[in-house]
PDB file of N, CA and C in Angstrom:
ATOM      1  N   UNK A   1      -7.205 -15.749 -10.425  1.00  0.00           N
ATOM      2  CA  UNK A   1      -7.094 -17.174 -10.205  1.00  0.00           C
ATOM      3  C   UNK A   1      -6.001 -17.403  -9.170  1.00  0.00           C
ATOM      4  N   UNK A   2      -6.340 -17.949  -8.019  1.00  0.00           N
ATOM      5  CA  UNK A   2      -5.323 -18.126  -6.983  1.00  0.00           C
ATOM      6  C   UNK A   2      -4.391 -19.312  -7.218  1.00  0.00           C
ATOM      7  N   UNK A   3      -4.606 -20.069  -8.299  1.00  0.00           N
ATOM      8  CA  UNK A   3      -3.774 -21.243  -8.555  1.00  0.00           C
ATOM      9  C   UNK A   3      -3.218 -21.206  -9.963  1.00  0.00           C
ATOM     10  N   UNK A   4      -2.080 -21.841 -10.152  1.00  0.00           N
ATOM     11  CA  UNK A   4      -1.563 -22.063 -11.510  1.00  0.00           C
ATOM     12  C   UNK A   4      -2.272 -23.303 -12.038  1.00  0.00           C
ATOM     13  N   UNK A   5      -3.051 -23.132 -13.084  1.00  0.00           N
ATOM     14  CA  UNK A   5      -3.926 -24.202 -13.596  1.00  0.00           C
ATOM     15  C   UNK A   5      -3.282 -24.903 -14.775  1.00  0.00           C
ATOM     16  N   UNK A   6      -3.286 -26.235 -14.738  1.00  0.00           N
ATOM     17  CA  UNK A   6      -2.748 -27.025 -15.821  1.00  0.00           C
ATOM     18  C   UNK A   6      -3.625 -26.814 -17.074  1.00  0.00           C
ATOM     19  N   UNK A   7      -3.019 -26.879 -18.268  1.00  0.00           N
ATOM     20  CA  UNK A   7      -3.794 -26.676 -19.502  1.00  0.00           C
ATOM     21  C   UNK A   7      -5.013 -27.598 -19.625  1.00  0.00           C
ATOM     22  N   UNK A   8      -4.885 -28.837 -19.188  1.00  0.00           N
ATOM     23  CA  UNK A   8      -5.991 -29.786 -19.330  1.00  0.00           C
ATOM     24  C   UNK A   8      -7.172 -29.472 -18.406  1.00  0.00           C
ATOM     25  N   UNK A   9      -6.995 -28.555 -17.457  1.00  0.00           N
ATOM     26  CA  UNK A   9      -8.076 -28.197 -16.547  1.00  0.00           C
ATOM     27  C   UNK A   9      -8.714 -26.849 -16.886  1.00  0.00           C
ATOM     28  N   UNK A  10      -8.240 -26.184 -17.920  1.00  0.00           N
ATOM     29  CA  UNK A  10      -8.704 -24.834 -18.215  1.00  0.00           C
ATOM     30  C   UNK A  10     -10.123 -24.758 -18.767  1.00  0.00           C
ATOM     31  N   UNK A  11     -10.687 -25.884 -19.204  1.00  0.00           N
ATOM     32  CA  UNK A  11     -12.071 -25.871 -19.697  1.00  0.00           C
ATOM     33  C   UNK A  11     -13.114 -26.177 -18.644  1.00  0.00           C
ATOM     34  N   UNK A  12     -12.696 -26.298 -17.402  1.00  0.00           N
ATOM     35  CA  UNK A  12     -13.607 -26.652 -16.311  1.00  0.00           C
ATOM     36  C   UNK A  12     -14.657 -25.567 -16.065  1.00  0.00           C
ATOM     37  N   UNK A  13     -15.870 -26.009 -15.763  1.00  0.00           N
ATOM     38  CA  UNK A  13     -16.941 -25.087 -15.389  1.00  0.00           C
ATOM     39  C   UNK A  13     -16.529 -24.274 -14.165  1.00  0.00           C
ATOM     40  N   UNK A  14     -15.870 -24.942 -13.220  1.00  0.00           N
ATOM     41  CA  UNK A  14     -15.450 -24.236 -11.998  1.00  0.00           C
ATOM     42  C   UNK A  14     -14.346 -23.234 -12.295  1.00  0.00           C
ATOM     43  N   UNK A  15     -13.420 -23.580 -13.153  1.00  0.00           N
ATOM     44  CA  UNK A  15     -12.362 -22.620 -13.528  1.00  0.00           C
ATOM     45  C   UNK A  15     -12.994 -21.397 -14.172  1.00  0.00           C
ATOM     46  N   UNK A  16     -13.953 -21.617 -15.053  1.00  0.00           N
ATOM     47  CA  UNK A  16     -14.629 -20.505 -15.723  1.00  0.00           C
ATOM     48  C   UNK A  16     -15.404 -19.655 -14.735  1.00  0.00           C
ATOM     49  N   UNK A  17     -16.006 -20.284 -13.717  1.00  0.00           N
ATOM     50  CA  UNK A  17     -16.740 -19.526 -12.707  1.00  0.00           C
ATOM     51  C   UNK A  17     -15.787 -18.675 -11.874  1.00  0.00           C
ATOM     52  N   UNK A  18     -14.627 -19.229 -11.525  1.00  0.00           N
ATOM     53  CA  UNK A  18     -13.637 -18.465 -10.755  1.00  0.00           C
ATOM     54  C   UNK A  18     -13.156 -17.269 -11.569  1.00  0.00           C
ATOM     55  N   UNK A  19     -12.907 -17.489 -12.834  1.00  0.00           N
ATOM     56  CA  UNK A  19     -12.452 -16.393 -13.719  1.00  0.00           C
ATOM     57  C   UNK A  19     -13.543 -15.328 -13.829  1.00  0.00           C
ATOM     58  N   UNK A  20     -14.806 -15.746 -14.005  1.00  0.00           N
ATOM     59  CA  UNK A  20     -15.912 -14.783 -14.091  1.00  0.00           C
ATOM     60  C   UNK A  20     -16.103 -14.037 -12.781  1.00  0.00           C
ATOM     61  N   UNK A  21     -15.953 -14.733 -11.685  1.00  0.00           N
ATOM     62  CA  UNK A  21     -16.040 -14.105 -10.364  1.00  0.00           C
ATOM     63  C   UNK A  21     -15.004 -12.990 -10.236  1.00  0.00           C
ATOM     64  N   UNK A  22     -13.763 -13.288 -10.631  1.00  0.00           N
ATOM     65  CA  UNK A  22     -12.709 -12.283 -10.580  1.00  0.00           C
ATOM     66  C   UNK A  22     -13.067 -11.085 -11.443  1.00  0.00           C
ATOM     67  N   UNK A  23     -13.558 -11.343 -12.650  1.00  0.00           N
ATOM     68  CA  UNK A  23     -13.931 -10.256 -13.557  1.00  0.00           C
ATOM     69  C   UNK A  23     -15.029  -9.387 -12.937  1.00  0.00           C
ATOM     70  N   UNK A  24     -16.036 -10.019 -12.323  1.00  0.00           N
ATOM     71  CA  UNK A  24     -17.102  -9.255 -11.688  1.00  0.00           C
ATOM     72  C   UNK A  24     -16.554  -8.409 -10.541  1.00  0.00           C
ATOM     73  N   UNK A  25     -15.673  -8.993  -9.731  1.00  0.00           N
ATOM     74  CA  UNK A  25     -15.075  -8.268  -8.606  1.00  0.00           C
ATOM     75  C   UNK A  25     -14.283  -7.048  -9.052  1.00  0.00           C
ATOM     76  N   UNK A  26     -13.759  -7.074 -10.277  1.00  0.00           N
ATOM     77  CA  UNK A  26     -12.935  -5.989 -10.807  1.00  0.00           C
ATOM     78  C   UNK A  26     -13.651  -5.162 -11.878  1.00  0.00           C
ATOM     79  N   UNK A  27     -14.982  -5.226 -11.877  1.00  0.00           N
ATOM     80  CA  UNK A  27     -15.809  -4.433 -12.807  1.00  0.00           C
ATOM     81  C   UNK A  27     -15.447  -4.680 -14.271  1.00  0.00           C
ATOM     82  N   UNK A  28     -15.055  -5.890 -14.606  1.00  0.00           N
ATOM     83  CA  UNK A  28     -14.753  -6.260 -15.994  1.00  0.00           C
ATOM     84  C   UNK A  28     -16.055  -6.807 -16.628  1.00  0.00           C
ATOM     85  N   UNK A  29     -16.236  -6.591 -17.918  1.00  0.00           N
ATOM     86  CA  UNK A  29     -17.466  -7.082 -18.563  1.00  0.00           C
ATOM     87  C   UNK A  29     -17.499  -8.613 -18.644  1.00  0.00           C
ATOM     88  N   UNK A  30     -18.720  -9.155 -18.599  1.00  0.00           N
ATOM     89  CA  UNK A  30     -18.949 -10.591 -18.733  1.00  0.00           C
ATOM     90  C   UNK A  30     -20.034 -10.829 -19.778  1.00  0.00           C
ATOM     91  N   UNK A  31     -19.871 -11.883 -20.562  1.00  0.00           N
ATOM     92  CA  UNK A  31     -20.901 -12.271 -21.529  1.00  0.00           C
ATOM     93  C   UNK A  31     -22.042 -12.994 -20.814  1.00  0.00           C
ATOM     94  N   UNK A  32     -23.146 -13.176 -21.544  1.00  0.00           N
ATOM     95  CA  UNK A  32     -24.327 -13.821 -20.969  1.00  0.00           C
ATOM     96  C   UNK A  32     -24.026 -15.234 -20.456  1.00  0.00           C
ATOM     97  N   UNK A  33     -23.294 -16.029 -21.213  1.00  0.00           N
ATOM     98  CA  UNK A  33     -22.996 -17.392 -20.788  1.00  0.00           C
ATOM     99  C   UNK A  33     -22.131 -17.402 -19.529  1.00  0.00           C
ATOM    100  N   UNK A  34     -21.203 -16.474 -19.446  1.00  0.00           N
ATOM    101  CA  UNK A  34     -20.358 -16.365 -18.243  1.00  0.00           C
ATOM    102  C   UNK A  34     -21.197 -16.001 -17.024  1.00  0.00           C
ATOM    103  N   UNK A  35     -22.146 -15.063 -17.191  1.00  0.00           N
ATOM    104  CA  UNK A  35     -23.031 -14.692 -16.086  1.00  0.00           C
ATOM    105  C   UNK A  35     -23.846 -15.883 -15.636  1.00  0.00           C
ATOM    106  N   UNK A  36     -24.444 -16.617 -16.607  1.00  0.00           N
ATOM    107  CA  UNK A  36     -25.276 -17.775 -16.248  1.00  0.00           C
ATOM    108  C   UNK A  36     -24.472 -18.823 -15.493  1.00  0.00           C
ATOM    109  N   UNK A  37     -23.273 -19.113 -15.968  1.00  0.00           N
ATOM    110  CA  UNK A  37     -22.421 -20.097 -15.303  1.00  0.00           C
ATOM    111  C   UNK A  37     -22.071 -19.639 -13.895  1.00  0.00           C
ATOM    112  N   UNK A  38     -21.690 -18.393 -13.744  1.00  0.00           N
ATOM    113  CA  UNK A  38     -21.315 -17.865 -12.446  1.00  0.00           C
ATOM    114  C   UNK A  38     -22.487 -17.945 -11.466  1.00  0.00           C
ATOM    115  N   UNK A  39     -23.660 -17.511 -11.887  1.00  0.00           N
ATOM    116  CA  UNK A  39     -24.826 -17.559 -10.995  1.00  0.00           C
ATOM    117  C   UNK A  39     -25.176 -18.982 -10.619  1.00  0.00           C
ATOM    118  N   UNK A  40     -25.111 -19.902 -11.571  1.00  0.00           N
ATOM    119  CA  UNK A  40     -25.438 -21.313 -11.274  1.00  0.00           C
ATOM    120  C   UNK A  40     -24.454 -21.911 -10.272  1.00  0.00           C
ATOM    121  N   UNK A  41     -23.180 -21.645 -10.467  1.00  0.00           N
ATOM    122  CA  UNK A  41     -22.159 -22.169  -9.556  1.00  0.00           C
ATOM    123  C   UNK A  41     -22.304 -21.531  -8.179  1.00  0.00           C
ATOM    124  N   UNK A  42     -22.497 -20.224  -8.125  1.00  0.00           N
ATOM    125  CA  UNK A  42     -22.666 -19.550  -6.838  1.00  0.00           C
ATOM    126  C   UNK A  42     -23.882 -20.097  -6.081  1.00  0.00           C
ATOM    127  N   UNK A  43     -24.973 -20.319  -6.785  1.00  0.00           N
ATOM    128  CA  UNK A  43     -26.175 -20.835  -6.143  1.00  0.00           C
ATOM    129  C   UNK A  43     -25.918 -22.226  -5.544  1.00  0.00           C
ATOM    130  N   UNK A  44     -25.241 -23.076  -6.303  1.00  0.00           N
ATOM    131  CA  UNK A  44     -24.938 -24.425  -5.795  1.00  0.00           C
ATOM    132  C   UNK A  44     -24.037 -24.364  -4.570  1.00  0.00           C
ATOM    133  N   UNK A  45     -22.998 -23.528  -4.647  1.00  0.00           N
ATOM    134  CA  UNK A  45     -22.052 -23.440  -3.526  1.00  0.00           C
ATOM    135  C   UNK A  45     -22.723 -22.870  -2.275  1.00  0.00           C
ATOM    136  N   UNK A  46     -23.540 -21.859  -2.468  1.00  0.00           N
ATOM    137  CA  UNK A  46     -24.217 -21.246  -1.328  1.00  0.00           C
ATOM    138  C   UNK A  46     -25.162 -22.260  -0.681  1.00  0.00           C
ATOM    139  N   UNK A  47     -25.873 -23.028  -1.503  1.00  0.00           N
ATOM    140  CA  UNK A  47     -26.807 -24.037  -0.998  1.00  0.00           C
ATOM    141  C   UNK A  47     -26.105 -25.148  -0.225  1.00  0.00           C
ATOM    142  N   UNK A  48     -24.919 -25.527  -0.683  1.00  0.00           N
ATOM    143  CA  UNK A  48     -24.223 -26.670  -0.076  1.00  0.00           C
ATOM    144  C   UNK A  48     -23.158 -26.265   0.944  1.00  0.00           C
ATOM    145  N   UNK A  49     -22.870 -24.946   1.065  1.00  0.00           N
ATOM    146  CA  UNK A  49     -21.847 -24.496   2.008  1.00  0.00           C
ATOM    147  C   UNK A  49     -20.446 -24.885   1.586  1.00  0.00           C
ATOM    148  N   UNK A  50     -20.214 -24.896   0.276  1.00  0.00           N
ATOM    149  CA  UNK A  50     -18.909 -25.304  -0.249  1.00  0.00           C
ATOM    150  C   UNK A  50     -18.250 -24.167  -1.021  1.00  0.00           C
ATOM    151  N   UNK A  51     -16.979 -24.360  -1.313  1.00  0.00           N
ATOM    152  CA  UNK A  51     -16.205 -23.468  -2.171  1.00  0.00           C
ATOM    153  C   UNK A  51     -15.395 -24.326  -3.145  1.00  0.00           C
ATOM    154  N   UNK A  52     -14.836 -23.670  -4.129  1.00  0.00           N
ATOM    155  CA  UNK A  52     -14.022 -24.351  -5.141  1.00  0.00           C
ATOM    156  C   UNK A  52     -12.572 -24.420  -4.680  1.00  0.00           C
ATOM    157  N   UNK A  53     -11.973 -25.572  -4.863  1.00  0.00           N
ATOM    158  CA  UNK A  53     -10.539 -25.751  -4.587  1.00  0.00           C
ATOM    159  C   UNK A  53      -9.916 -26.376  -5.822  1.00  0.00           C
ATOM    160  N   UNK A  54      -8.609 -26.330  -5.892  1.00  0.00           N
ATOM    161  CA  UNK A  54      -7.902 -26.887  -7.059  1.00  0.00           C
ATOM    162  C   UNK A  54      -6.724 -27.722  -6.598  1.00  0.00           C
ATOM    163  N   UNK A  55      -6.596 -28.897  -7.197  1.00  0.00           N
ATOM    164  CA  UNK A  55      -5.469 -29.776  -6.949  1.00  0.00           C
ATOM    165  C   UNK A  55      -5.003 -30.283  -8.299  1.00  0.00           C
ATOM    166  N   UNK A  56      -3.852 -29.833  -8.778  1.00  0.00           N
ATOM    167  CA  UNK A  56      -3.401 -30.203 -10.125  1.00  0.00           C
ATOM    168  C   UNK A  56      -3.150 -31.695 -10.292  1.00  0.00           C
ATOM    169  N   UNK A  57      -3.015 -32.425  -9.182  1.00  0.00           N
ATOM    170  CA  UNK A  57      -2.787 -33.869  -9.278  1.00  0.00           C
ATOM    171  C   UNK A  57      -4.073 -34.668  -9.483  1.00  0.00           C
ATOM    172  N   UNK A  58      -5.211 -34.045  -9.238  1.00  0.00           N
ATOM    173  CA  UNK A  58      -6.494 -34.715  -9.462  1.00  0.00           C
ATOM    174  C   UNK A  58      -6.824 -34.721 -10.949  1.00  0.00           C
ATOM    175  N   UNK A  59      -7.507 -35.747 -11.399  1.00  0.00           N
ATOM    176  CA  UNK A  59      -7.862 -35.848 -12.808  1.00  0.00           C
ATOM    177  C   UNK A  59      -8.670 -34.645 -13.280  1.00  0.00           C
ATOM    178  N   UNK A  60      -9.646 -34.237 -12.487  1.00  0.00           N
ATOM    179  CA  UNK A  60     -10.485 -33.093 -12.869  1.00  0.00           C
ATOM    180  C   UNK A  60      -9.883 -31.756 -12.433  1.00  0.00           C
ATOM    181  N   UNK A  61      -8.905 -31.790 -11.541  1.00  0.00           N
ATOM    182  CA  UNK A  61      -8.267 -30.555 -11.058  1.00  0.00           C
ATOM    183  C   UNK A  61      -9.115 -29.838 -10.031  1.00  0.00           C
ATOM    184  N   UNK A  62     -10.242 -29.304 -10.463  1.00  0.00           N
ATOM    185  CA  UNK A  62     -11.118 -28.534  -9.589  1.00  0.00           C
ATOM    186  C   UNK A  62     -12.087 -29.457  -8.863  1.00  0.00           C
ATOM    187  N   UNK A  63     -12.375 -29.146  -7.610  1.00  0.00           N
ATOM    188  CA  UNK A  63     -13.320 -29.925  -6.818  1.00  0.00           C
ATOM    189  C   UNK A  63     -13.903 -29.019  -5.732  1.00  0.00           C
ATOM    190  N   UNK A  64     -14.967 -29.469  -5.107  1.00  0.00           N
ATOM    191  CA  UNK A  64     -15.640 -28.687  -4.078  1.00  0.00           C
ATOM    192  C   UNK A  64     -15.248 -29.205  -2.703  1.00  0.00           C
ATOM    193  N   UNK A  65     -15.057 -28.250  -1.784  1.00  0.00           N
ATOM    194  CA  UNK A  65     -14.712 -28.576  -0.398  1.00  0.00           C
ATOM    195  C   UNK A  65     -15.584 -27.724   0.527  1.00  0.00           C
ATOM    196  N   UNK A  66     -15.778 -28.144   1.771  1.00  0.00           N
ATOM    197  CA  UNK A  66     -16.555 -27.327   2.705  1.00  0.00           C
ATOM    198  C   UNK A  66     -15.871 -25.964   2.929  1.00  0.00           C
ATOM    199  N   UNK A  67     -16.686 -24.919   2.940  1.00  0.00           N
ATOM    200  CA  UNK A  67     -16.169 -23.576   3.213  1.00  0.00           C
ATOM    201  C   UNK A  67     -15.790 -23.464   4.690  1.00  0.00           C
ATOM    202  N   UNK A  68     -14.647 -22.832   4.954  1.00  0.00           N
ATOM    203  CA  UNK A  68     -14.229 -22.587   6.333  1.00  0.00           C
ATOM    204  C   UNK A  68     -14.871 -21.295   6.803  1.00  0.00           C
ATOM    205  N   UNK A  69     -15.621 -21.366   7.886  1.00  0.00           N
ATOM    206  CA  UNK A  69     -16.316 -20.208   8.449  1.00  0.00           C
ATOM    207  C   UNK A  69     -15.334 -19.084   8.748  1.00  0.00           C
ATOM    208  N   UNK A  70     -15.668 -17.899   8.249  1.00  0.00           N
ATOM    209  CA  UNK A  70     -14.843 -16.726   8.505  1.00  0.00           C
ATOM    210  C   UNK A  70     -13.597 -16.620   7.628  1.00  0.00           C
ATOM    211  N   UNK A  71     -13.332 -17.615   6.789  1.00  0.00           N
ATOM    212  CA  UNK A  71     -12.143 -17.601   5.930  1.00  0.00           C
ATOM    213  C   UNK A  71     -12.530 -17.625   4.456  1.00  0.00           C
ATOM    214  N   UNK A  72     -13.258 -18.662   4.057  1.00  0.00           N
ATOM    215  CA  UNK A  72     -13.637 -18.811   2.644  1.00  0.00           C
ATOM    216  C   UNK A  72     -14.951 -18.075   2.410  1.00  0.00           C
ATOM    217  N   UNK A  73     -14.854 -16.781   2.156  1.00  0.00           N
ATOM    218  CA  UNK A  73     -16.029 -15.917   2.090  1.00  0.00           C
ATOM    219  C   UNK A  73     -16.578 -15.758   0.694  1.00  0.00           C
ATOM    220  N   UNK A  74     -15.841 -16.141  -0.304  1.00  0.00           N
ATOM    221  CA  UNK A  74     -16.282 -15.986  -1.685  1.00  0.00           C
ATOM    222  C   UNK A  74     -16.502 -17.327  -2.351  1.00  0.00           C
ATOM    223  N   UNK A  75     -15.949 -17.470  -3.527  1.00  0.00           N
ATOM    224  CA  UNK A  75     -16.150 -18.643  -4.366  1.00  0.00           C
ATOM    225  C   UNK A  75     -15.087 -19.717  -4.169  1.00  0.00           C
ATOM    226  N   UNK A  76     -13.904 -19.337  -3.702  1.00  0.00           N
ATOM    227  CA  UNK A  76     -12.783 -20.274  -3.655  1.00  0.00           C
ATOM    228  C   UNK A  76     -12.249 -20.519  -2.256  1.00  0.00           C
ATOM    229  N   UNK A  77     -11.568 -21.642  -2.100  1.00  0.00           N
ATOM    230  CA  UNK A  77     -10.813 -21.945  -0.884  1.00  0.00           C
ATOM    231  C   UNK A  77      -9.624 -20.990  -0.895  1.00  0.00           C
ATOM    232  N   UNK A  78      -9.525 -20.159   0.114  1.00  0.00           N
ATOM    233  CA  UNK A  78      -8.421 -19.198   0.185  1.00  0.00           C
ATOM    234  C   UNK A  78      -7.130 -19.955   0.509  1.00  0.00           C
ATOM    235  N   UNK A  79      -6.189 -20.019  -0.445  1.00  0.00           N
ATOM    236  CA  UNK A  79      -4.981 -20.827  -0.260  1.00  0.00           C
ATOM    237  C   UNK A  79      -4.133 -20.422   0.945  1.00  0.00           C
ATOM    238  N   UNK A  80      -4.117 -19.143   1.258  1.00  0.00           N
ATOM    239  CA  UNK A  80      -3.273 -18.696   2.375  1.00  0.00           C
ATOM    240  C   UNK A  80      -4.053 -18.546   3.677  1.00  0.00           C
ATOM    241  N   UNK A  81      -5.346 -18.885   3.655  1.00  0.00           N
ATOM    242  CA  UNK A  81      -6.153 -18.822   4.870  1.00  0.00           C
ATOM    243  C   UNK A  81      -6.576 -17.425   5.294  1.00  0.00           C
ATOM    244  N   UNK A  82      -6.327 -16.418   4.449  1.00  0.00           N
ATOM    245  CA  UNK A  82      -6.709 -15.039   4.765  1.00  0.00           C
ATOM    246  C   UNK A  82      -8.067 -14.732   4.131  1.00  0.00           C
ATOM    247  N   UNK A  83      -9.036 -14.293   4.931  1.00  0.00           N
ATOM    248  CA  UNK A  83     -10.351 -13.981   4.381  1.00  0.00           C
ATOM    249  C   UNK A  83     -10.296 -12.784   3.453  1.00  0.00           C
ATOM    250  N   UNK A  84     -10.997 -12.879   2.351  1.00  0.00           N
ATOM    251  CA  UNK A  84     -11.107 -11.787   1.377  1.00  0.00           C
ATOM    252  C   UNK A  84     -12.593 -11.589   1.075  1.00  0.00           C
ATOM    253  N   UNK A  85     -13.266 -10.692   1.799  1.00  0.00           N
ATOM    254  CA  UNK A  85     -14.701 -10.489   1.553  1.00  0.00           C
ATOM    255  C   UNK A  85     -14.946 -10.021   0.128  1.00  0.00           C
ATOM    256  N   UNK A  86     -15.917 -10.640  -0.547  1.00  0.00           N
ATOM    257  CA  UNK A  86     -16.238 -10.227  -1.909  1.00  0.00           C
ATOM    258  C   UNK A  86     -16.884  -8.858  -1.941  1.00  0.00           C
ATOM    259  N   UNK A  87     -16.687  -8.156  -3.035  1.00  0.00           N
ATOM    260  CA  UNK A  87     -17.253  -6.828  -3.218  1.00  0.00           C
ATOM    261  C   UNK A  87     -18.672  -6.892  -3.777  1.00  0.00           C
ATOM    262  N   UNK A  88     -18.952  -7.932  -4.595  1.00  0.00           N
ATOM    263  CA  UNK A  88     -20.209  -8.024  -5.306  1.00  0.00           C
ATOM    264  C   UNK A  88     -20.745  -9.446  -5.246  1.00  0.00           C
ATOM    265  N   UNK A  89     -22.022  -9.582  -5.619  1.00  0.00           N
ATOM    266  CA  UNK A  89     -22.609 -10.908  -5.706  1.00  0.00           C
ATOM    267  C   UNK A  89     -23.254 -11.357  -4.411  1.00  0.00           C
ATOM    268  N   UNK A  90     -23.773 -12.582  -4.378  1.00  0.00           N
ATOM    269  CA  UNK A  90     -24.543 -13.038  -3.221  1.00  0.00           C
ATOM    270  C   UNK A  90     -23.740 -13.175  -1.936  1.00  0.00           C
ATOM    271  N   UNK A  91     -22.436 -13.333  -2.040  1.00  0.00           N
ATOM    272  CA  UNK A  91     -21.607 -13.472  -0.850  1.00  0.00           C
ATOM    273  C   UNK A  91     -21.277 -12.125  -0.213  1.00  0.00           C
ATOM    274  N   UNK A  92     -21.319 -11.061  -0.993  1.00  0.00           N
ATOM    275  CA  UNK A  92     -20.988  -9.729  -0.477  1.00  0.00           C
ATOM    276  C   UNK A  92     -21.954  -9.334   0.633  1.00  0.00           C
ATOM    277  N   UNK A  93     -23.209  -9.649   0.470  1.00  0.00           N
ATOM    278  CA  UNK A  93     -24.229  -9.282   1.460  1.00  0.00           C
ATOM    279  C   UNK A  93     -24.002 -10.013   2.795  1.00  0.00           C
ATOM    280  N   UNK A  94     -23.407 -11.189   2.738  1.00  0.00           N
ATOM    281  CA  UNK A  94     -23.195 -11.948   3.961  1.00  0.00           C
ATOM    282  C   UNK A  94     -22.213 -11.261   4.894  1.00  0.00           C
ATOM    283  N   UNK A  95     -21.305 -10.517   4.323  1.00  0.00           N
ATOM    284  CA  UNK A  95     -20.286  -9.851   5.133  1.00  0.00           C
ATOM    285  C   UNK A  95     -20.660  -8.430   5.494  1.00  0.00           C
ATOM    286  N   UNK A  96     -21.778  -7.952   4.895  1.00  0.00           N
ATOM    287  CA  UNK A  96     -22.392  -6.674   5.158  1.00  0.00           C
ATOM    288  C   UNK A  96     -21.511  -5.574   5.445  1.00  0.00           C
TER     289      UNK A  96
END
């Protein structure tokens, strides 16, 4: 998780997808519900060209923003602007 998340935002679907994404990238096991959530979120983001960002001052915390070409290669807005190509999942193939 690239952000320190407030307790009231920890139940977010997007927070859970980011956590599941990290687990998949590090060969950690995921339950069926986590897989379903991750695939659904990835499909939506890929279709819309967006990534997940976090702002603790927003009521919902997590929100979607346009992906920056060549920078936001995975599921999240890279806070430091450094591209991190994903190892697995639908985005990994894009970076071939």
